[in-house]
Amino acid sequence: MKLTIYEPAEIFLDEAVVKVKAEGPAGCFTLLPRHIDLATALVPGILSYETPEGDEVFLAVKGGILVKQGARVAVATQLAVRGDLGLLTETIETLLAETDERERKTRAAVARL
């Protein structure tokens, strides 16, 4: 399979992969090459994939959309960060806190209007 991750300003990743693990609103799922095509939302969390060499790579994603079509998996997200699993958990918590703060400020500004 080919995994491509798009951020607003660039292509973050474009690699051959064996499988992809991600998390949607209904829970975690794994995609393999012969799985049915699908499109789903992603929640902020960990996305991982296995390379043809057998290495597992972890990414933190700030939600987004995942589309699997044939042997191609495309992910559109606002932010993706590669790193060690333990550090990515902290990164996700920081991203969620920033999003909550931004949303709180937006709601306060709309209420003042």
Protein backbone atom coordinates (compact mmCIF):
# COMPACT_ATOMS: atom_id res chain seq x y z
CA MET A 1 0.00 0.00 0.00
CA LYS A 2 1.01 3.60 -0.43
CA LEU A 3 0.41 5.96 2.54
CA THR A 4 0.29 9.69 1.88
CA ILE A 5 -0.29 12.22 4.65
CA TYR A 6 -1.23 15.75 3.63
CA GLU A 7 -0.85 18.81 5.84
CA PRO A 8 -2.25 22.19 4.75
CA ALA A 9 1.06 23.44 3.33
CA GLU A 10 2.90 20.26 2.36
CA ILE A 11 2.94 16.51 1.91
CA PHE A 12 4.13 15.24 5.29
CA LEU A 13 4.66 11.61 4.27
CA ASP A 14 4.59 9.52 1.09
CA GLU A 15 5.76 5.94 1.73
CA ALA A 16 5.06 2.31 0.93
CA VAL A 17 3.52 0.54 3.94
CA VAL A 18 2.28 -2.93 4.87
CA LYS A 19 -0.52 -1.83 7.23
CA VAL A 20 -1.95 1.30 8.83
CA LYS A 21 -3.48 1.64 12.31
CA ALA A 22 -5.57 4.70 13.19
CA GLU A 23 -8.39 5.87 15.45
CA GLY A 24 -11.78 7.09 14.31
CA PRO A 25 -14.86 8.19 16.27
CA ALA A 26 -15.95 4.54 16.63
CA GLY A 27 -12.54 3.33 17.87
CA CYS A 28 -9.25 1.96 16.56
CA PHE A 29 -8.93 0.11 13.28
CA THR A 30 -6.26 -1.48 11.07
CA LEU A 31 -6.10 -1.30 7.28
CA LEU A 32 -4.44 -3.99 5.19
CA PRO A 33 -3.99 -3.95 1.38
CA ARG A 34 -7.01 -6.17 0.62
CA HIS A 35 -9.45 -4.39 2.91
CA ILE A 36 -12.53 -2.74 1.48
CA ASP A 37 -12.29 0.90 0.42
CA LEU A 38 -13.50 3.41 3.01
CA ALA A 39 -13.51 7.03 4.10
CA THR A 40 -13.62 8.00 7.77
CA ALA A 41 -12.91 10.86 10.13
CA LEU A 42 -9.91 10.58 12.43
CA VAL A 43 -9.85 11.78 16.02
CA PRO A 44 -6.73 13.39 17.52
CA GLY A 45 -4.48 10.50 18.46
CA ILE A 46 -1.83 8.06 17.33
CA LEU A 47 -1.58 6.81 13.74
CA SER A 48 0.94 4.05 13.15
CA TYR A 49 2.11 2.13 10.13
CA GLU A 50 4.37 -0.81 9.40
CA THR A 51 7.07 -0.47 6.77
CA PRO A 52 7.95 -3.30 4.34
CA GLU A 53 11.10 -3.84 6.45
CA GLY A 54 8.93 -4.59 9.52
CA ASP A 55 9.51 -1.32 11.42
CA GLU A 56 6.53 0.28 13.18
CA VAL A 57 6.41 4.08 12.93
CA PHE A 58 4.23 6.23 15.18
CA LEU A 59 2.71 9.62 14.36
CA ALA A 60 0.54 11.97 16.37
CA VAL A 61 -2.23 13.45 14.22
CA LYS A 62 -4.58 16.29 15.04
CA GLY A 63 -7.66 14.56 13.69
CA GLY A 64 -8.46 14.63 10.00
CA ILE A 65 -9.90 12.50 7.22
CA LEU A 66 -8.62 9.10 6.04
CA VAL A 67 -9.52 7.66 2.63
CA LYS A 68 -8.51 4.14 1.52
CA GLN A 69 -8.98 3.48 -2.17
CA GLY A 70 -7.41 0.36 -3.63
CA ALA A 71 -3.77 0.22 -2.60
CA ARG A 72 -3.69 3.91 -1.66
CA VAL A 73 -4.34 5.40 1.80
CA ALA A 74 -4.57 9.19 1.98
CA VAL A 75 -4.80 11.17 5.22
CA ALA A 76 -5.56 14.89 5.38
CA THR A 77 -4.75 16.45 8.76
CA GLN A 78 -3.96 19.87 10.18
CA LEU A 79 -0.85 18.59 11.96
CA ALA A 80 1.21 15.39 12.07
CA VAL A 81 4.26 14.77 14.27
CA ARG A 82 6.59 11.74 14.09
CA GLY A 83 8.24 10.51 17.26
CA ASP A 84 8.56 7.94 20.02
CA LEU A 85 5.31 6.56 21.37
CA GLY A 86 5.76 7.93 24.91
CA LEU A 87 6.54 11.44 23.73
CA LEU A 88 3.66 11.43 21.24
CA THR A 89 1.17 10.89 24.06
CA GLU A 90 2.39 14.13 25.65
CA THR A 91 2.20 15.86 22.25
CA ILE A 92 -1.43 14.82 21.82
CA GLU A 93 -2.35 16.07 25.30
CA THR A 94 -0.74 19.43 24.47
CA LEU A 95 -2.57 19.64 21.13
CA LEU A 96 -5.90 18.89 22.77
CA ALA A 97 -5.30 21.49 25.49
CA GLU A 98 -4.42 24.12 22.86
CA THR A 99 -7.54 23.27 20.84
CA ASP A 100 -9.75 23.49 23.94
CA GLU A 101 -8.25 26.89 24.84
CA ARG A 102 -8.72 28.21 21.29
CA GLU A 103 -12.34 27.03 21.24
CA ARG A 104 -13.00 28.63 24.65
CA LYS A 105 -11.61 31.96 23.43
CA THR A 106 -13.68 31.75 20.24
CA ARG A 107 -16.87 31.05 22.18
CA ALA A 108 -16.14 34.00 24.49
CA ALA A 109 -15.55 36.32 21.53
CA VAL A 110 -18.81 35.22 19.85
CA ALA A 111 -20.71 35.71 23.13
CA ARG A 112 -19.39 39.29 23.39
CA LEU A 113 -20.71 40.03 19.90
